[in-house]
Amino acid sequence: MRRFGFRQVLIVNGLLTAASMAACTLLTPHTPHLLIVPVLFISGAFRSMQFTSLSALQFADVPPEYMTGASTLASMVSQLMMGMSAAFAAFALNISAQIVSGHQARK
């Protein structure tokens, strides 16, 4: 990141992350494990780099005396967002199940 800068790393790595996720959509039950493992490894490496870059960037302008509080706040917000995303996913799944069952009942 020091060599290329945050912006360049985030842009290129974001595109590589999207491409690796798209590659995951092409995997089927018949895909050989020797192809699946590298695709998943590379996808995980790109996502890890993206999260690491974003985490480092969120503290870029925080003075050293506020770093402890900023770290605590970032951890709390991260945990809160994970909980909210799980709740939203459950809500969306419930709504989609009701829609599907409603369409099946009409047939």
PDB file of N, CA and C in Angstrom:
ATOM      1  N   MET A   1       0.823  -1.190   0.000  1.00  0.00           N
ATOM      2  CA  MET A   1       0.000   0.000   0.000  1.00  0.00           C
ATOM      3  C   MET A   1       0.864   1.249   0.000  1.00  0.00           C
ATOM      4  N   ARG A   2       2.026   1.135   0.629  1.00  0.00           N
ATOM      5  CA  ARG A   2       2.931   2.290   0.607  1.00  0.00           C
ATOM      6  C   ARG A   2       3.448   2.563  -0.792  1.00  0.00           C
ATOM      7  N   ARG A   3       3.672   1.514  -1.539  1.00  0.00           N
ATOM      8  CA  ARG A   3       4.244   1.680  -2.879  1.00  0.00           C
ATOM      9  C   ARG A   3       3.250   2.293  -3.860  1.00  0.00           C
ATOM     10  N   PHE A   4       1.987   1.821  -3.836  1.00  0.00           N
ATOM     11  CA  PHE A   4       1.005   2.273  -4.821  1.00  0.00           C
ATOM     12  C   PHE A   4      -0.002   3.279  -4.263  1.00  0.00           C
ATOM     13  N   GLY A   5      -0.136   3.381  -2.967  1.00  0.00           N
ATOM     14  CA  GLY A   5      -1.095   4.289  -2.361  1.00  0.00           C
ATOM     15  C   GLY A   5      -2.444   3.628  -2.145  1.00  0.00           C
ATOM     16  N   PHE A   6      -3.178   4.149  -1.168  1.00  0.00           N
ATOM     17  CA  PHE A   6      -4.463   3.565  -0.794  1.00  0.00           C
ATOM     18  C   PHE A   6      -5.461   3.570  -1.941  1.00  0.00           C
ATOM     19  N   ARG A   7      -5.563   4.691  -2.630  1.00  0.00           N
ATOM     20  CA  ARG A   7      -6.569   4.808  -3.690  1.00  0.00           C
ATOM     21  C   ARG A   7      -6.353   3.756  -4.775  1.00  0.00           C
ATOM     22  N   GLN A   8      -5.125   3.652  -5.246  1.00  0.00           N
ATOM     23  CA  GLN A   8      -4.817   2.698  -6.316  1.00  0.00           C
ATOM     24  C   GLN A   8      -5.061   1.264  -5.848  1.00  0.00           C
ATOM     25  N   VAL A   9      -4.625   0.954  -4.628  1.00  0.00           N
ATOM     26  CA  VAL A   9      -4.814  -0.403  -4.091  1.00  0.00           C
ATOM     27  C   VAL A   9      -6.296  -0.714  -3.948  1.00  0.00           C
ATOM     28  N   LEU A  10      -7.077   0.221  -3.413  1.00  0.00           N
ATOM     29  CA  LEU A  10      -8.509  -0.017  -3.223  1.00  0.00           C
ATOM     30  C   LEU A  10      -9.249  -0.182  -4.546  1.00  0.00           C
ATOM     31  N   ILE A  11      -8.904   0.607  -5.537  1.00  0.00           N
ATOM     32  CA  ILE A  11      -9.580   0.502  -6.836  1.00  0.00           C
ATOM     33  C   ILE A  11      -9.245  -0.818  -7.517  1.00  0.00           C
ATOM     34  N   VAL A  12      -7.952  -1.097  -7.663  1.00  0.00           N
ATOM     35  CA  VAL A  12      -7.541  -2.330  -8.354  1.00  0.00           C
ATOM     36  C   VAL A  12      -7.991  -3.554  -7.580  1.00  0.00           C
ATOM     37  N   ASN A  13      -7.790  -3.537  -6.263  1.00  0.00           N
ATOM     38  CA  ASN A  13      -8.183  -4.697  -5.478  1.00  0.00           C
ATOM     39  C   ASN A  13      -9.704  -4.869  -5.450  1.00  0.00           C
ATOM     40  N   GLY A  14     -10.447  -3.771  -5.476  1.00  0.00           N
ATOM     41  CA  GLY A  14     -11.908  -3.868  -5.551  1.00  0.00           C
ATOM     42  C   GLY A  14     -12.356  -4.559  -6.831  1.00  0.00           C
ATOM     43  N   LEU A  15     -11.716  -4.202  -7.933  1.00  0.00           N
ATOM     44  CA  LEU A  15     -12.038  -4.859  -9.208  1.00  0.00           C
ATOM     45  C   LEU A  15     -11.647  -6.333  -9.185  1.00  0.00           C
ATOM     46  N   LEU A  16     -10.477  -6.635  -8.614  1.00  0.00           N
ATOM     47  CA  LEU A  16     -10.053  -8.038  -8.511  1.00  0.00           C
ATOM     48  C   LEU A  16     -10.967  -8.836  -7.578  1.00  0.00           C
ATOM     49  N   THR A  17     -11.429  -8.200  -6.516  1.00  0.00           N
ATOM     50  CA  THR A  17     -12.370  -8.861  -5.600  1.00  0.00           C
ATOM     51  C   THR A  17     -13.674  -9.177  -6.323  1.00  0.00           C
ATOM     52  N   ALA A  18     -14.180  -8.219  -7.083  1.00  0.00           N
ATOM     53  CA  ALA A  18     -15.415  -8.444  -7.838  1.00  0.00           C
ATOM     54  C   ALA A  18     -15.223  -9.557  -8.867  1.00  0.00           C
ATOM     55  N   ALA A  19     -14.083  -9.564  -9.544  1.00  0.00           N
ATOM     56  CA  ALA A  19     -13.814 -10.612 -10.538  1.00  0.00           C
ATOM     57  C   ALA A  19     -13.704 -11.984  -9.878  1.00  0.00           C
ATOM     58  N   SER A  20     -13.069 -12.035  -8.711  1.00  0.00           N
ATOM     59  CA  SER A  20     -12.944 -13.332  -8.031  1.00  0.00           C
ATOM     60  C   SER A  20     -14.292 -13.822  -7.520  1.00  0.00           C
ATOM     61  N   MET A  21     -15.151 -12.908  -7.100  1.00  0.00           N
ATOM     62  CA  MET A  21     -16.500 -13.321  -6.687  1.00  0.00           C
ATOM     63  C   MET A  21     -17.300 -13.797  -7.898  1.00  0.00           C
ATOM     64  N   ALA A  22     -17.114 -13.139  -9.034  1.00  0.00           N
ATOM     65  CA  ALA A  22     -17.778 -13.585 -10.257  1.00  0.00           C
ATOM     66  C   ALA A  22     -17.281 -14.966 -10.654  1.00  0.00           C
ATOM     67  N   ALA A  23     -15.992 -15.217 -10.455  1.00  0.00           N
ATOM     68  CA  ALA A  23     -15.434 -16.541 -10.757  1.00  0.00           C
ATOM     69  C   ALA A  23     -16.070 -17.609  -9.866  1.00  0.00           C
ATOM     70  N   CYS A  24     -16.388 -17.242  -8.632  1.00  0.00           N
ATOM     71  CA  CYS A  24     -17.045 -18.204  -7.723  1.00  0.00           C
ATOM     72  C   CYS A  24     -18.429 -18.597  -8.219  1.00  0.00           C
ATOM     73  N   THR A  25     -19.095 -17.696  -8.945  1.00  0.00           N
ATOM     74  CA  THR A  25     -20.421 -18.027  -9.455  1.00  0.00           C
ATOM     75  C   THR A  25     -20.359 -19.059 -10.581  1.00  0.00           C
ATOM     76  N   LEU A  26     -19.182 -19.217 -11.173  1.00  0.00           N
ATOM     77  CA  LEU A  26     -19.027 -20.176 -12.266  1.00  0.00           C
ATOM     78  C   LEU A  26     -18.735 -21.590 -11.772  1.00  0.00           C
ATOM     79  N   LEU A  27     -18.488 -21.735 -10.470  1.00  0.00           N
ATOM     80  CA  LEU A  27     -18.189 -23.059  -9.920  1.00  0.00           C
ATOM     81  C   LEU A  27     -19.466 -23.890  -9.837  1.00  0.00           C
ATOM     82  N   THR A  28     -19.349 -25.152 -10.179  1.00  0.00           N
ATOM     83  CA  THR A  28     -20.483 -26.078 -10.119  1.00  0.00           C
ATOM     84  C   THR A  28     -20.078 -27.290  -9.281  1.00  0.00           C
ATOM     85  N   PRO A  29     -21.027 -28.161  -8.966  1.00  0.00           N
ATOM     86  CA  PRO A  29     -20.660 -29.383  -8.245  1.00  0.00           C
ATOM     87  C   PRO A  29     -19.700 -30.271  -9.031  1.00  0.00           C
ATOM     88  N   HIS A  30     -19.640 -30.078 -10.331  1.00  0.00           N
ATOM     89  CA  HIS A  30     -18.772 -30.903 -11.165  1.00  0.00           C
ATOM     90  C   HIS A  30     -17.384 -30.294 -11.379  1.00  0.00           C
ATOM     91  N   THR A  31     -17.163 -29.094 -10.849  1.00  0.00           N
ATOM     92  CA  THR A  31     -15.860 -28.446 -10.988  1.00  0.00           C
ATOM     93  C   THR A  31     -14.825 -29.205 -10.157  1.00  0.00           C
ATOM     94  N   PRO A  32     -13.666 -29.493 -10.735  1.00  0.00           N
ATOM     95  CA  PRO A  32     -12.637 -30.221  -9.988  1.00  0.00           C
ATOM     96  C   PRO A  32     -12.141 -29.435  -8.765  1.00  0.00           C
ATOM     97  N   HIS A  33     -11.852 -30.162  -7.698  1.00  0.00           N
ATOM     98  CA  HIS A  33     -11.372 -29.520  -6.468  1.00  0.00           C
ATOM     99  C   HIS A  33     -10.061 -28.784  -6.696  1.00  0.00           C
ATOM    100  N   LEU A  34      -9.254 -29.261  -7.637  1.00  0.00           N
ATOM    101  CA  LEU A  34      -7.996 -28.584  -7.933  1.00  0.00           C
ATOM    102  C   LEU A  34      -8.209 -27.206  -8.546  1.00  0.00           C
ATOM    103  N   LEU A  35      -9.394 -26.916  -9.022  1.00  0.00           N
ATOM    104  CA  LEU A  35      -9.728 -25.586  -9.524  1.00  0.00           C
ATOM    105  C   LEU A  35     -10.471 -24.774  -8.458  1.00  0.00           C
ATOM    106  N   ILE A  36     -11.319 -25.437  -7.680  1.00  0.00           N
ATOM    107  CA  ILE A  36     -12.111 -24.749  -6.659  1.00  0.00           C
ATOM    108  C   ILE A  36     -11.214 -24.138  -5.580  1.00  0.00           C
ATOM    109  N   VAL A  37     -10.252 -24.922  -5.097  1.00  0.00           N
ATOM    110  CA  VAL A  37      -9.406 -24.461  -3.991  1.00  0.00           C
ATOM    111  C   VAL A  37      -8.641 -23.176  -4.345  1.00  0.00           C
ATOM    112  N   PRO A  38      -7.953 -23.102  -5.492  1.00  0.00           N
ATOM    113  CA  PRO A  38      -7.260 -21.839  -5.793  1.00  0.00           C
ATOM    114  C   PRO A  38      -8.205 -20.655  -5.995  1.00  0.00           C
ATOM    115  N   VAL A  39      -9.357 -20.900  -6.597  1.00  0.00           N
ATOM    116  CA  VAL A  39     -10.315 -19.804  -6.801  1.00  0.00           C
ATOM    117  C   VAL A  39     -10.780 -19.256  -5.449  1.00  0.00           C
ATOM    118  N   LEU A  40     -11.110 -20.147  -4.516  1.00  0.00           N
ATOM    119  CA  LEU A  40     -11.554 -19.700  -3.191  1.00  0.00           C
ATOM    120  C   LEU A  40     -10.421 -19.038  -2.416  1.00  0.00           C
ATOM    121  N   PHE A  41      -9.204 -19.576  -2.538  1.00  0.00           N
ATOM    122  CA  PHE A  41      -8.057 -18.976  -1.854  1.00  0.00           C
ATOM    123  C   PHE A  41      -7.782 -17.572  -2.368  1.00  0.00           C
ATOM    124  N   ILE A  42      -7.759 -17.416  -3.676  1.00  0.00           N
ATOM    125  CA  ILE A  42      -7.494 -16.102  -4.270  1.00  0.00           C
ATOM    126  C   ILE A  42      -8.603 -15.117  -3.926  1.00  0.00           C
ATOM    127  N   SER A  43      -9.843 -15.575  -3.965  1.00  0.00           N
ATOM    128  CA  SER A  43     -10.967 -14.714  -3.607  1.00  0.00           C
ATOM    129  C   SER A  43     -10.848 -14.243  -2.163  1.00  0.00           C
ATOM    130  N   GLY A  44     -10.499 -15.156  -1.270  1.00  0.00           N
ATOM    131  CA  GLY A  44     -10.325 -14.798   0.136  1.00  0.00           C
ATOM    132  C   GLY A  44      -9.174 -13.835   0.349  1.00  0.00           C
ATOM    133  N   ALA A  45      -8.081 -14.031  -0.397  1.00  0.00           N
ATOM    134  CA  ALA A  45      -6.924 -13.128  -0.276  1.00  0.00           C
ATOM    135  C   ALA A  45      -7.278 -11.716  -0.731  1.00  0.00           C
ATOM    136  N   PHE A  46      -8.016 -11.592  -1.839  1.00  0.00           N
ATOM    137  CA  PHE A  46      -8.414 -10.269  -2.315  1.00  0.00           C
ATOM    138  C   PHE A  46      -9.361  -9.584  -1.340  1.00  0.00           C
ATOM    139  N   ARG A  47     -10.323 -10.340  -0.797  1.00  0.00           N
ATOM    140  CA  ARG A  47     -11.249  -9.747   0.173  1.00  0.00           C
ATOM    141  C   ARG A  47     -10.521  -9.336   1.442  1.00  0.00           C
ATOM    142  N   SER A  48      -9.570 -10.143   1.876  1.00  0.00           N
ATOM    143  CA  SER A  48      -8.791  -9.804   3.061  1.00  0.00           C
ATOM    144  C   SER A  48      -8.009  -8.514   2.847  1.00  0.00           C
ATOM    145  N   MET A  49      -7.402  -8.378   1.687  1.00  0.00           N
ATOM    146  CA  MET A  49      -6.656  -7.153   1.375  1.00  0.00           C
ATOM    147  C   MET A  49      -7.593  -5.945   1.364  1.00  0.00           C
ATOM    148  N   GLN A  50      -8.790  -6.115   0.850  1.00  0.00           N
ATOM    149  CA  GLN A  50      -9.749  -5.014   0.799  1.00  0.00           C
ATOM    150  C   GLN A  50     -10.153  -4.590   2.210  1.00  0.00           C
ATOM    151  N   PHE A  51     -10.493  -5.554   3.054  1.00  0.00           N
ATOM    152  CA  PHE A  51     -10.888  -5.226   4.421  1.00  0.00           C
ATOM    153  C   PHE A  51      -9.730  -4.618   5.203  1.00  0.00           C
ATOM    154  N   THR A  52      -8.531  -5.120   5.003  1.00  0.00           N
ATOM    155  CA  THR A  52      -7.356  -4.566   5.682  1.00  0.00           C
ATOM    156  C   THR A  52      -7.110  -3.127   5.247  1.00  0.00           C
ATOM    157  N   SER A  53      -7.211  -2.869   3.952  1.00  0.00           N
ATOM    158  CA  SER A  53      -7.011  -1.509   3.436  1.00  0.00           C
ATOM    159  C   SER A  53      -8.053  -0.548   3.986  1.00  0.00           C
ATOM    160  N   LEU A  54      -9.296  -0.984   3.994  1.00  0.00           N
ATOM    161  CA  LEU A  54     -10.363  -0.121   4.505  1.00  0.00           C
ATOM    162  C   LEU A  54     -10.218   0.111   6.005  1.00  0.00           C
ATOM    163  N   SER A  55      -9.810  -0.902   6.734  1.00  0.00           N
ATOM    164  CA  SER A  55      -9.608  -0.750   8.187  1.00  0.00           C
ATOM    165  C   SER A  55      -8.478   0.220   8.483  1.00  0.00           C
ATOM    166  N   ALA A  56      -7.396   0.129   7.732  1.00  0.00           N
ATOM    167  CA  ALA A  56      -6.279   1.052   7.938  1.00  0.00           C
ATOM    168  C   ALA A  56      -6.679   2.473   7.564  1.00  0.00           C
ATOM    169  N   LEU A  57      -7.464   2.600   6.521  1.00  0.00           N
ATOM    170  CA  LEU A  57      -7.868   3.917   6.047  1.00  0.00           C
ATOM    171  C   LEU A  57      -8.787   4.631   7.035  1.00  0.00           C
ATOM    172  N   GLN A  58      -9.594   3.878   7.770  1.00  0.00           N
ATOM    173  CA  GLN A  58     -10.528   4.520   8.690  1.00  0.00           C
ATOM    174  C   GLN A  58      -9.825   5.215   9.854  1.00  0.00           C
ATOM    175  N   PHE A  59      -8.556   4.863  10.113  1.00  0.00           N
ATOM    176  CA  PHE A  59      -7.808   5.498  11.198  1.00  0.00           C
ATOM    177  C   PHE A  59      -6.756   6.480  10.690  1.00  0.00           C
ATOM    178  N   ALA A  60      -6.754   6.774   9.416  1.00  0.00           N
ATOM    179  CA  ALA A  60      -5.700   7.604   8.817  1.00  0.00           C
ATOM    180  C   ALA A  60      -5.639   9.008   9.412  1.00  0.00           C
ATOM    181  N   ASP A  61      -6.764   9.609   9.712  1.00  0.00           N
ATOM    182  CA  ASP A  61      -6.780  10.994  10.202  1.00  0.00           C
ATOM    183  C   ASP A  61      -7.002  11.110  11.700  1.00  0.00           C
ATOM    184  N   VAL A  62      -6.925   9.993  12.410  1.00  0.00           N
ATOM    185  CA  VAL A  62      -7.162  10.016  13.854  1.00  0.00           C
ATOM    186  C   VAL A  62      -5.848  10.303  14.566  1.00  0.00           C
ATOM    187  N   PRO A  63      -5.801  11.345  15.405  1.00  0.00           N
ATOM    188  CA  PRO A  63      -4.573  11.629  16.155  1.00  0.00           C
ATOM    189  C   PRO A  63      -4.267  10.486  17.141  1.00  0.00           C
ATOM    190  N   PRO A  64      -2.999  10.284  17.459  1.00  0.00           N
ATOM    191  CA  PRO A  64      -2.615   9.171  18.341  1.00  0.00           C
ATOM    192  C   PRO A  64      -3.340   9.155  19.687  1.00  0.00           C
ATOM    193  N   GLU A  65      -3.633  10.330  20.252  1.00  0.00           N
ATOM    194  CA  GLU A  65      -4.289  10.361  21.565  1.00  0.00           C
ATOM    195  C   GLU A  65      -5.746   9.887  21.513  1.00  0.00           C
ATOM    196  N   TYR A  66      -6.350   9.859  20.338  1.00  0.00           N
ATOM    197  CA  TYR A  66      -7.730   9.385  20.186  1.00  0.00           C
ATOM    198  C   TYR A  66      -7.815   7.976  19.598  1.00  0.00           C
ATOM    199  N   MET A  67      -6.678   7.354  19.356  1.00  0.00           N
ATOM    200  CA  MET A  67      -6.656   6.055  18.680  1.00  0.00           C
ATOM    201  C   MET A  67      -7.392   4.971  19.469  1.00  0.00           C
ATOM    202  N   THR A  68      -7.255   4.964  20.802  1.00  0.00           N
ATOM    203  CA  THR A  68      -7.921   3.948  21.615  1.00  0.00           C
ATOM    204  C   THR A  68      -9.436   4.050  21.478  1.00  0.00           C
ATOM    205  N   GLY A  69      -9.946   5.263  21.611  1.00  0.00           N
ATOM    206  CA  GLY A  69     -11.386   5.470  21.475  1.00  0.00           C
ATOM    207  C   GLY A  69     -11.883   5.158  20.073  1.00  0.00           C
ATOM    208  N   ALA A  70     -11.102   5.538  19.073  1.00  0.00           N
ATOM    209  CA  ALA A  70     -11.489   5.266  17.689  1.00  0.00           C
ATOM    210  C   ALA A  70     -11.510   3.769  17.412  1.00  0.00           C
ATOM    211  N   SER A  71     -10.546   3.057  17.953  1.00  0.00           N
ATOM    212  CA  SER A  71     -10.492   1.605  17.776  1.00  0.00           C
ATOM    213  C   SER A  71     -11.686   0.936  18.443  1.00  0.00           C
ATOM    214  N   THR A  72     -12.016   1.391  19.650  1.00  0.00           N
ATOM    215  CA  THR A  72     -13.169   0.843  20.366  1.00  0.00           C
ATOM    216  C   THR A  72     -14.455   1.111  19.597  1.00  0.00           C
ATOM    217  N   LEU A  73     -14.616   2.335  19.119  1.00  0.00           N
ATOM    218  CA  LEU A  73     -15.808   2.688  18.348  1.00  0.00           C
ATOM    219  C   LEU A  73     -15.898   1.871  17.068  1.00  0.00           C
ATOM    220  N   ALA A  74     -14.775   1.709  16.368  1.00  0.00           N
ATOM    221  CA  ALA A  74     -14.770   0.930  15.125  1.00  0.00           C
ATOM    222  C   ALA A  74     -15.141  -0.525  15.386  1.00  0.00           C
ATOM    223  N   SER A  75     -14.636  -1.093  16.471  1.00  0.00           N
ATOM    224  CA  SER A  75     -14.978  -2.480  16.808  1.00  0.00           C
ATOM    225  C   SER A  75     -16.456  -2.618  17.138  1.00  0.00           C
ATOM    226  N   MET A  76     -16.980  -1.652  17.892  1.00  0.00           N
ATOM    227  CA  MET A  76     -18.397  -1.702  18.255  1.00  0.00           C
ATOM    228  C   MET A  76     -19.285  -1.567  17.019  1.00  0.00           C
ATOM    229  N   VAL A  77     -18.961  -0.639  16.135  1.00  0.00           N
ATOM    230  CA  VAL A  77     -19.751  -0.440  14.917  1.00  0.00           C
ATOM    231  C   VAL A  77     -19.675  -1.675  14.026  1.00  0.00           C
ATOM    232  N   SER A  78     -18.509  -2.284  13.951  1.00  0.00           N
ATOM    233  CA  SER A  78     -18.344  -3.492  13.145  1.00  0.00           C
ATOM    234  C   SER A  78     -19.236  -4.622  13.667  1.00  0.00           C
ATOM    235  N   GLN A  79     -19.221  -4.834  14.975  1.00  0.00           N
ATOM    236  CA  GLN A  79     -20.062  -5.872  15.563  1.00  0.00           C
ATOM    237  C   GLN A  79     -21.542  -5.552  15.378  1.00  0.00           C
ATOM    238  N   LEU A  80     -21.907  -4.296  15.534  1.00  0.00           N
ATOM    239  CA  LEU A  80     -23.296  -3.876  15.347  1.00  0.00           C
ATOM    240  C   LEU A  80     -23.751  -4.122  13.918  1.00  0.00           C
ATOM    241  N   MET A  81     -22.908  -3.795  12.947  1.00  0.00           N
ATOM    242  CA  MET A  81     -23.257  -4.000  11.540  1.00  0.00           C
ATOM    243  C   MET A  81     -23.377  -5.485  11.207  1.00  0.00           C
ATOM    244  N   MET A  82     -22.512  -6.320  11.782  1.00  0.00           N
ATOM    245  CA  MET A  82     -22.629  -7.763  11.540  1.00  0.00           C
ATOM    246  C   MET A  82     -23.953  -8.291  12.087  1.00  0.00           C
ATOM    247  N   GLY A  83     -24.327  -7.827  13.280  1.00  0.00           N
ATOM    248  CA  GLY A  83     -25.608  -8.247  13.852  1.00  0.00           C
ATOM    249  C   GLY A  83     -26.789  -7.755  13.037  1.00  0.00           C
ATOM    250  N   MET A  84     -26.720  -6.506  12.602  1.00  0.00           N
ATOM    251  CA  MET A  84     -27.811  -5.953  11.801  1.00  0.00           C
ATOM    252  C   MET A  84     -27.909  -6.629  10.438  1.00  0.00           C
ATOM    253  N   SER A  85     -26.775  -6.973   9.846  1.00  0.00           N
ATOM    254  CA  SER A  85     -26.825  -7.638   8.541  1.00  0.00           C
ATOM    255  C   SER A  85     -27.399  -9.041   8.676  1.00  0.00           C
ATOM    256  N   ALA A  86     -27.097  -9.736   9.776  1.00  0.00           N
ATOM    257  CA  ALA A  86     -27.695 -11.053   9.996  1.00  0.00           C
ATOM    258  C   ALA A  86     -29.201 -10.926  10.200  1.00  0.00           C
ATOM    259  N   ALA A  87     -29.621  -9.916  10.944  1.00  0.00           N
ATOM    260  CA  ALA A  87     -31.051  -9.694  11.163  1.00  0.00           C
ATOM    261  C   ALA A  87     -31.754  -9.338   9.849  1.00  0.00           C
ATOM    262  N   PHE A  88     -31.132  -8.496   9.038  1.00  0.00           N
ATOM    263  CA  PHE A  88     -31.715  -8.124   7.750  1.00  0.00           C
ATOM    264  C   PHE A  88     -31.803  -9.332   6.823  1.00  0.00           C
ATOM    265  N   ALA A  89     -30.774 -10.176   6.824  1.00  0.00           N
ATOM    266  CA  ALA A  89     -30.793 -11.377   5.982  1.00  0.00           C
ATOM    267  C   ALA A  89     -31.926 -12.310   6.413  1.00  0.00           C
ATOM    268  N   ALA A  90     -32.117 -12.469   7.715  1.00  0.00           N
ATOM    269  CA  ALA A  90     -33.210 -13.303   8.213  1.00  0.00           C
ATOM    270  C   ALA A  90     -34.563 -12.711   7.824  1.00  0.00           C
ATOM    271  N   PHE A  91     -34.696 -11.401   7.924  1.00  0.00           N
ATOM    272  CA  PHE A  91     -35.929 -10.721   7.532  1.00  0.00           C
ATOM    273  C   PHE A  91     -36.203 -10.917   6.041  1.00  0.00           C
ATOM    274  N   ALA A  92     -35.183 -10.716   5.207  1.00  0.00           N
ATOM    275  CA  ALA A  92     -35.341 -10.882   3.765  1.00  0.00           C
ATOM    276  C   ALA A  92     -35.693 -12.318   3.413  1.00  0.00           C
ATOM    277  N   LEU A  93     -35.080 -13.272   4.077  1.00  0.00           N
ATOM    278  CA  LEU A  93     -35.384 -14.678   3.838  1.00  0.00           C
ATOM    279  C   LEU A  93     -36.825 -14.999   4.224  1.00  0.00           C
ATOM    280  N   ASN A  94     -37.277 -14.447   5.347  1.00  0.00           N
ATOM    281  CA  ASN A  94     -38.646 -14.663   5.800  1.00  0.00           C
ATOM    282  C   ASN A  94     -39.647 -14.068   4.806  1.00  0.00           C
ATOM    283  N   ILE A  95     -39.391 -12.859   4.361  1.00  0.00           N
ATOM    284  CA  ILE A  95     -40.298 -12.208   3.404  1.00  0.00           C
ATOM    285  C   ILE A  95     -40.327 -12.978   2.084  1.00  0.00           C
ATOM    286  N   SER A  96     -39.152 -13.391   1.592  1.00  0.00           N
ATOM    287  CA  SER A  96     -39.122 -14.127   0.324  1.00  0.00           C
ATOM    288  C   SER A  96     -39.821 -15.480   0.462  1.00  0.00           C
ATOM    289  N   ALA A  97     -39.713 -16.128   1.618  1.00  0.00           N
ATOM    290  CA  ALA A  97     -40.414 -17.395   1.830  1.00  0.00           C
ATOM    291  C   ALA A  97     -41.931 -17.178   1.817  1.00  0.00           C
ATOM    292  N   GLN A  98     -42.385 -16.070   2.400  1.00  0.00           N
ATOM    293  CA  GLN A  98     -43.813 -15.771   2.398  1.00  0.00           C
ATOM    294  C   GLN A  98     -44.302 -15.469   0.985  1.00  0.00           C
ATOM    295  N   ILE A  99     -43.494 -14.763   0.210  1.00  0.00           N
ATOM    296  CA  ILE A  99     -43.878 -14.453  -1.175  1.00  0.00           C
ATOM    297  C   ILE A  99     -43.961 -15.728  -1.998  1.00  0.00           C
ATOM    298  N   VAL A 100     -42.960 -16.596  -1.854  1.00  0.00           N
ATOM    299  CA  VAL A 100     -42.938 -17.859  -2.609  1.00  0.00           C
ATOM    300  C   VAL A 100     -44.119 -18.736  -2.190  1.00  0.00           C
ATOM    301  N   SER A 101     -44.396 -18.828  -0.895  1.00  0.00           N
ATOM    302  CA  SER A 101     -45.508 -19.676  -0.456  1.00  0.00           C
ATOM    303  C   SER A 101     -46.840 -19.093  -0.909  1.00  0.00           C
ATOM    304  N   GLY A 102     -46.931 -17.768  -1.002  1.00  0.00           N
ATOM    305  CA  GLY A 102     -48.141 -17.118  -1.500  1.00  0.00           C
ATOM    306  C   GLY A 102     -48.367 -17.417  -2.977  1.00  0.00           C
ATOM    307  N   HIS A 103     -47.291 -17.443  -3.765  1.00  0.00           N
ATOM    308  CA  HIS A 103     -47.405 -17.774  -5.183  1.00  0.00           C
ATOM    309  C   HIS A 103     -47.759 -19.240  -5.363  1.00  0.00           C
ATOM    310  N   GLN A 104     -47.235 -20.095  -4.535  1.00  0.00           N
ATOM    311  CA  GLN A 104     -47.531 -21.526  -4.634  1.00  0.00           C
ATOM    312  C   GLN A 104     -48.966 -21.821  -4.220  1.00  0.00           C
ATOM    313  N   ALA A 105     -49.491 -21.057  -3.259  1.00  0.00           N
ATOM    314  CA  ALA A 105     -50.863 -21.283  -2.799  1.00  0.00           C
ATOM    315  C   ALA A 105     -51.868 -20.888  -3.881  1.00  0.00           C
ATOM    316  N   ARG A 106     -51.541 -19.918  -4.725  1.00  0.00           N
ATOM    317  CA  ARG A 106     -52.451 -19.461  -5.772  1.00  0.00           C
ATOM    318  C   ARG A 106     -52.514 -20.428  -6.945  1.00  0.00           C
ATOM    319  N   LYS A 107     -51.508 -21.262  -7.107  1.00  0.00           N
ATOM    320  CA  LYS A 107     -51.479 -22.153  -8.268  1.00  0.00           C
ATOM    321  C   LYS A 107     -52.432 -23.257  -8.121  1.00  0.00           C
TER     322      LYS A 107
END
